[in-house]
Protein backbone atom coordinates (compact mmCIF):
# COMPACT_ATOMS: atom_id res chain seq x y z
CA MET A 1 0.13 -0.07 -0.14
CA LYS A 2 1.40 3.71 -1.00
CA ILE A 3 0.41 5.95 0.83
CA ALA A 4 0.73 10.01 2.21
CA PHE A 5 0.05 11.49 5.77
CA PHE A 6 -0.92 14.86 5.88
CA TRP A 7 -0.04 15.18 9.30
CA THR A 8 0.89 17.55 12.32
CA PRO A 9 0.68 17.87 15.81
CA GLU A 10 2.53 15.80 18.89
CA PHE A 11 0.17 13.39 18.12
CA ALA A 12 0.03 11.97 14.76
CA TRP A 13 3.97 11.64 15.02
CA ASN A 14 3.73 9.49 17.66
CA ILE A 15 0.90 7.07 15.10
CA LEU A 16 3.74 7.53 12.18
CA SER A 17 6.30 6.10 14.56
CA TRP A 18 4.25 2.84 15.14
CA ILE A 19 2.77 2.90 11.85
CA LEU A 20 6.82 2.24 10.33
CA ALA A 21 6.44 -1.18 11.64
CA TYR A 22 4.24 -2.16 9.04
CA PRO A 23 6.17 -3.63 6.09
CA GLU A 24 3.32 -3.67 4.21
CA LEU A 25 2.57 0.04 4.17
CA GLU A 26 5.23 1.90 2.19
CA ILE A 27 5.19 5.66 3.56
CA SER A 28 5.73 7.08 0.60
CA LEU A 29 4.85 11.01 1.40
CA VAL A 30 4.74 12.77 4.74
CA VAL A 31 2.59 16.35 4.81
CA SER A 32 3.81 18.57 7.57
CA GLN A 33 2.53 22.41 8.21
CA PRO A 34 5.25 25.06 7.27
CA ASP A 35 7.90 25.16 10.26
CA LYS A 36 6.91 28.22 12.82
CA ALA A 37 8.78 30.27 14.67
CA ILE A 38 8.32 30.29 18.48
CA TRP A 39 9.05 32.70 21.38
CA ARG A 40 10.74 36.13 21.23
CA LYS A 41 14.09 35.44 19.41
CA ARG A 42 12.33 33.54 16.69
CA ASP A 43 13.41 29.77 16.51
CA ILE A 44 12.09 28.18 13.29
CA GLN A 45 10.66 24.90 15.32
CA THR A 46 10.62 21.92 13.36
CA THR A 47 7.12 20.08 13.07
CA ALA A 48 7.24 16.61 15.37
CA VAL A 49 5.62 14.61 12.06
CA LYS A 50 8.40 16.06 10.43
CA SER A 51 11.54 15.03 12.25
CA VAL A 52 9.88 11.79 12.61
CA ALA A 53 9.50 11.26 8.19
CA LEU A 54 14.05 12.46 7.88
CA THR A 55 14.90 10.33 10.37
CA HIS A 56 13.60 7.34 8.36
CA ASN A 57 14.58 8.65 5.06
CA ILE A 58 10.97 9.48 3.72
CA ARG A 59 9.77 12.89 1.52
CA VAL A 60 7.79 15.56 3.44
CA ILE A 61 6.25 18.35 1.97
CA GLN A 62 5.91 21.21 3.36
CA PRO A 63 3.08 23.57 1.61
CA GLU A 64 2.06 27.05 2.79
CA ARG A 65 -1.69 26.38 0.66
CA ILE A 66 -3.28 23.39 -0.71
CA LYS A 67 -5.62 24.77 -2.21
CA LYS A 68 -5.28 25.52 -5.85
CA ASN A 69 -1.15 24.62 -5.67
CA ALA A 70 -0.77 22.91 -9.26
CA ASP A 71 2.62 21.68 -8.06
CA PHE A 72 1.33 19.85 -5.40
CA PHE A 73 -1.55 18.11 -7.09
CA ASP A 74 1.58 17.00 -9.52
CA ILE A 75 3.20 15.87 -7.15
CA LEU A 76 0.58 13.60 -5.33
CA ASN A 77 -0.22 12.19 -8.89
CA SER A 78 2.81 11.10 -9.74
CA LEU A 79 2.93 8.81 -6.34
CA GLU A 80 0.07 6.58 -7.31
CA LEU A 81 -1.03 7.03 -4.08
CA ASP A 82 -3.55 4.17 -2.72
CA PHE A 83 -4.59 6.35 0.53
CA ILE A 84 -4.18 9.69 1.92
CA VAL A 85 -4.65 9.42 5.74
CA VAL A 86 -5.25 12.62 7.39
CA VAL A 87 -4.75 13.41 11.33
CA ALA A 88 -5.53 17.16 12.58
CA TYR A 89 -3.75 18.04 9.11
CA GLY A 90 -5.49 21.68 10.53
CA LYS A 91 -6.53 23.40 6.75
CA ILE A 92 -9.62 22.02 4.30
CA ILE A 93 -8.70 19.39 2.08
CA PRO A 94 -9.50 19.87 -1.39
CA LYS A 95 -11.95 17.72 -3.94
CA GLU A 96 -8.25 18.11 -7.09
CA ILE A 97 -6.50 16.35 -3.64
CA LEU A 98 -9.07 13.90 -2.17
CA ASP A 99 -9.84 12.58 -5.98
CA ILE A 100 -6.07 11.53 -6.39
CA PRO A 101 -5.79 7.72 -4.31
CA ARG A 102 -7.00 4.66 -5.85
CA PHE A 103 -8.25 3.76 -2.36
CA TRP A 104 -9.99 7.51 -1.24
CA CYS A 105 -8.69 10.37 1.78
CA ILE A 106 -9.37 8.15 4.65
CA ASN A 107 -9.23 10.67 8.43
CA ILE A 108 -8.64 9.53 11.81
CA HIS A 109 -10.73 11.91 14.31
CA TRP A 110 -10.30 11.68 17.78
CA SER A 111 -13.58 10.94 18.60
CA ILE A 112 -16.42 9.03 18.18
CA LEU A 113 -17.49 10.63 15.67
CA PRO A 114 -20.36 12.31 15.25
CA LYS A 115 -20.80 13.47 18.81
CA TYR A 116 -17.55 16.17 17.90
CA ARG A 117 -16.78 17.30 14.87
CA GLY A 118 -14.15 19.88 14.67
CA ALA A 119 -10.55 20.64 16.84
CA SER A 120 -10.45 20.17 19.60
CA PRO A 121 -12.69 16.88 20.86
CA VAL A 122 -10.89 15.31 23.26
CA GLN A 123 -10.65 18.39 25.83
CA ALA A 124 -14.90 18.94 24.82
CA ALA A 125 -15.09 15.37 26.11
CA ILE A 126 -13.10 16.14 28.94
CA LYS A 127 -14.59 19.17 29.77
CA ASN A 128 -18.72 17.23 29.84
CA TRP A 129 -17.11 14.89 31.78
CA ASP A 130 -17.81 12.27 29.47
CA SER A 131 -16.81 8.44 30.42
CA GLN A 132 -15.88 7.96 27.14
CA THR A 133 -14.38 9.23 23.67
CA GLY A 134 -12.35 6.94 21.18
CA LEU A 135 -10.90 6.56 17.44
CA THR A 136 -13.07 7.18 14.49
CA ILE A 137 -11.63 6.30 10.93
CA MET A 138 -13.79 8.18 8.08
CA TYR A 139 -13.74 8.39 4.26
CA MET A 140 -13.14 12.48 3.67
CA SER A 141 -15.12 14.70 1.59
CA GLN A 142 -14.76 18.41 1.75
CA GLY A 143 -17.55 19.11 5.03
CA MET A 144 -16.07 18.97 8.67
CA ASP A 145 -15.46 15.29 10.20
CA GLU A 146 -19.17 15.15 8.34
CA TRP A 147 -19.00 11.58 6.26
CA ASP A 148 -18.93 8.02 6.20
CA ILE A 149 -17.84 5.95 8.89
CA LEU A 150 -15.50 3.17 8.64
CA GLN A 151 -14.65 1.97 12.39
CA ILE A 152 -14.67 2.99 15.55
CA GLN A 153 -12.63 1.73 18.43
CA LYS A 154 -13.83 3.38 22.05
CA VAL A 155 -11.36 4.22 24.82
CA SER A 156 -12.57 5.07 28.85
CA ILE A 157 -12.29 8.04 30.33
CA ASP A 158 -11.26 8.36 34.01
CA ASN A 159 -12.27 10.76 35.88
CA ILE A 160 -8.70 12.35 36.30
CA ASP A 161 -7.99 11.80 32.97
CA THR A 162 -5.77 14.49 30.78
CA SER A 163 -5.72 15.42 27.46
CA GLU A 164 -2.48 13.79 27.67
CA ASP A 165 -4.15 10.66 29.22
CA ILE A 166 -5.84 10.90 26.41
CA PHE A 167 -3.65 10.72 23.52
CA GLU A 168 -1.68 8.64 25.00
CA LYS A 169 -4.05 5.96 24.88
CA PHE A 170 -5.23 6.67 21.10
CA VAL A 171 -1.42 5.82 20.80
CA SER A 172 -1.74 2.41 22.41
CA ILE A 173 -4.95 1.86 19.88
CA GLY A 174 -4.22 4.29 16.93
CA PRO A 175 -2.15 1.82 14.33
CA LYS A 176 -3.58 -0.90 14.54
CA LEU A 177 -7.58 0.27 14.07
CA LEU A 178 -5.83 2.35 10.85
CA VAL A 179 -4.16 -1.35 9.76
CA ASP A 180 -6.96 -2.97 10.26
CA THR A 181 -9.14 -0.46 8.29
CA LEU A 182 -6.87 0.06 5.16
CA HIS A 183 -6.52 -3.81 4.90
CA LYS A 184 -10.46 -4.28 5.03
CA VAL A 185 -10.87 -1.26 2.00
CA ILE A 186 -8.72 -2.89 -0.08
CA LYS A 187 -10.78 -6.21 0.08
CA TRP A 188 -13.72 -4.60 0.54
CA GLU A 189 -14.20 -6.04 3.55
CA ILE A 190 -15.87 -3.03 5.52
CA THR A 191 -19.47 -1.45 5.27
CA TRP A 192 -19.08 2.06 6.28
CA VAL A 193 -22.38 3.57 8.25
CA PRO A 194 -23.67 7.49 6.99
CA GLN A 195 -23.52 9.73 10.39
CA ASN A 196 -26.56 11.10 12.13
CA HIS A 197 -25.68 14.95 11.33
CA SER A 198 -28.89 15.38 13.80
CA GLU A 199 -26.65 14.28 16.92
CA SER A 200 -23.56 16.20 16.37
CA SER A 201 -21.62 18.85 17.22
CA HIS A 202 -18.63 21.94 16.25
CA CYS A 203 -15.77 22.04 18.66
CA SER A 204 -13.73 25.37 17.70
CA LYS A 205 -9.88 25.45 18.47
CA ILE A 206 -8.82 26.56 21.36
CA SER A 207 -6.91 29.19 22.15
CA ARG A 208 -4.76 30.58 24.58
CA GLU A 209 -7.06 33.17 25.95
CA ASP A 210 -9.86 30.20 26.38
CA GLY A 211 -7.97 28.22 29.53
CA ARG A 212 -8.80 31.84 31.48
CA ILE A 213 -11.25 30.51 34.27
CA SER A 214 -13.32 32.65 37.49
CA PHE A 215 -13.77 31.52 40.49
CA TRP A 216 -16.98 33.29 40.50
CA LYS A 217 -18.62 32.17 37.74
CA GLN A 218 -17.26 28.45 37.79
CA THR A 219 -18.17 25.34 39.85
CA SER A 220 -14.87 23.65 42.02
CA ASN A 221 -16.10 20.50 39.28
CA GLU A 222 -15.91 22.80 35.91
CA ILE A 223 -12.21 24.39 36.61
CA PHE A 224 -10.92 21.14 37.24
CA ASN A 225 -12.58 19.30 34.41
CA THR A 226 -11.28 22.01 32.38
CA PHE A 227 -7.51 21.55 33.54
CA ARG A 228 -8.00 18.25 32.91
CA ALA A 229 -8.39 19.30 29.08
CA TYR A 230 -6.71 22.12 28.66
CA THR A 231 -2.94 20.10 29.47
CA SER A 232 -0.74 20.52 28.67
CA TRP A 233 -1.78 23.27 26.01
CA PRO A 234 -3.32 25.82 27.40
CA TRP A 235 -3.39 25.15 30.84
CA ILE A 236 -5.68 27.58 32.94
CA HIS A 237 -4.82 30.18 34.50
CA THR A 238 -6.45 33.70 36.74
CA PHE A 239 -4.40 36.43 37.72
CA TYR A 240 -2.68 37.38 40.66
CA ASN A 241 -1.83 41.44 40.71
CA GLU A 242 -2.81 41.41 37.27
CA LYS A 243 -0.23 38.67 36.08
CA ARG A 244 -0.92 35.93 34.87
CA LEU A 245 -1.24 32.53 37.01
CA VAL A 246 -1.12 29.68 35.14
CA LEU A 247 -2.59 26.34 37.90
CA GLU A 248 0.05 23.77 36.62
CA ASP A 249 -1.09 21.13 38.91
CA ILE A 250 -4.53 20.90 40.72
CA SER A 251 -7.15 18.74 42.52
CA LEU A 252 -10.29 18.28 43.83
CA PHE A 253 -9.74 18.34 48.12
CA ASP A 254 -12.63 16.68 50.12
CA ASN A 255 -13.96 19.35 52.76
CA THR A 256 -15.30 16.91 54.62
CA THR A 257 -12.43 15.22 55.22
CA GLU A 258 -10.85 17.85 57.39
CA ASN A 259 -11.83 19.88 60.08
CA GLU A 260 -13.74 23.09 59.01
CA ILE A 261 -12.30 25.49 57.34
CA GLU A 262 -12.40 29.57 57.09
CA GLY A 263 -12.57 32.22 54.21
CA GLU A 264 -15.14 33.04 51.72
CA ILE A 265 -15.07 32.14 48.32
CA TRP A 266 -12.71 32.94 45.79
CA GLU A 267 -9.60 33.39 48.17
CA CYS A 268 -6.48 31.34 48.62
CA ILE A 269 -7.03 29.68 51.80
CA LYS A 270 -4.54 27.11 53.69
CA ILE A 271 -6.11 23.56 53.62
CA SER A 272 -3.53 22.48 56.65
CA LYS A 273 -0.20 22.19 57.44
CA ASN A 274 2.54 23.61 53.87
CA ARG A 275 -1.13 22.53 51.85
CA TYR A 276 -3.17 25.43 49.58
CA GLY A 277 -6.40 26.36 48.04
CA ILE A 278 -8.96 28.32 46.53
CA LEU A 279 -12.62 27.97 47.44
CA CYS A 280 -14.57 27.77 44.56
CA CYS A 281 -18.42 29.96 44.36
CA ASP A 282 -20.07 25.79 45.35
CA TRP A 283 -17.92 26.71 48.34
CA LYS A 284 -16.07 23.65 47.84
CA ILE A 285 -12.41 23.39 47.42
CA LEU A 286 -9.54 23.14 44.40
CA GLU A 287 -6.10 22.29 46.09
CA VAL A 288 -3.84 23.80 44.24
CA LEU A 289 -0.04 21.97 43.89
CA ARG A 290 1.77 23.98 41.26
CA VAL A 291 1.58 27.42 39.34
CA LYS A 292 3.65 29.25 37.27
CA LEU A 293 3.55 33.29 37.35
CA GLU A 294 4.62 35.73 34.19
CA TRP A 295 7.38 35.30 33.46
CA LYS A 296 8.64 33.55 36.57
CA LYS A 297 9.86 29.77 37.29
CA SER A 298 7.37 26.76 37.97
CA MET A 299 7.41 26.59 41.22
CA ASP A 300 5.02 24.70 44.19
CA ALA A 301 2.49 25.90 46.37
CA LEU A 302 4.76 26.39 49.42
CA SER A 303 7.23 27.81 47.13
CA PHE A 304 5.13 29.91 46.05
CA VAL A 305 3.12 31.12 48.94
CA ASN A 306 6.30 31.37 50.92
CA GLY A 307 7.96 33.97 48.67
CA ASN A 308 3.74 35.97 47.48
CA LYS A 309 2.59 35.76 51.56
CA GLU A 310 0.01 38.24 50.71
CA VAL A 311 -1.26 35.37 48.24
CA LEU A 312 -3.02 34.07 50.88
CA TRP A 313 -6.53 35.79 51.60
CA TYR A 314 -6.40 36.75 48.04
CA LYS A 315 -9.41 37.10 46.18
CA PHE A 316 -9.50 34.85 42.93
CA VAL A 317 -12.29 36.13 40.63
């Protein structure tokens, strides 16, 4: 099988690494987003997928645009591809590309379709306290995650799972599921299932500002689920003395296990010796374990309080 992969995110390079172990798959090309300049020094960051591909002497193309790109179309047509596999590439695939491979374009989507379409289905599932998610392998159309389903494999979401944990679960099942699907498509042993569009919802792309939490408006569970969803990007944050304070590690605290704790909602309070938390609007406590103040190093909660005594009784709205 001759395959071109359209992949960019960290999750994708893990799956690519595993797929390289299958000798029957000939990876003819990897298409990734262009390298980007990061941080204030504007250093160029190579995508993880590109790094893996180059290590294994696989050709990599990083077009600025793929629509109406005749040179790019000519390259794809010259490869005589059986499949194009797309994983969160980040751009709409035009019809000219969808029509190139012999057995269609295949998309790996990290949710149980049609429930969560779009860019952030794992985060949406965690924020909504879903008990399971999964990988969906589907044929591609010009729409957004809306065409026929080939296979789905479900995974559980434990109560403390973060997005990172879920992606690790996907890495363990994704390669085998994809290879099994490709073999079944070639042998005509698989039946595609249309989606029920009335059951779908859209998950937009997450920005850094989406991590802003409000102890005034959100309950402890809502904040904790947002933390799980946004680990390890964009993290959740609040503001302390007009500086962004990232909460790198928090946990739900059982108020009933300790003596009565004094404090008002939204305040940073002392839970017990060397332990600190914030009292949420539902009168439950989120214990703060690790933080990072803007332009400062990451540190545990005790070290932060020792260096910022006024944080006790500070109101985080």
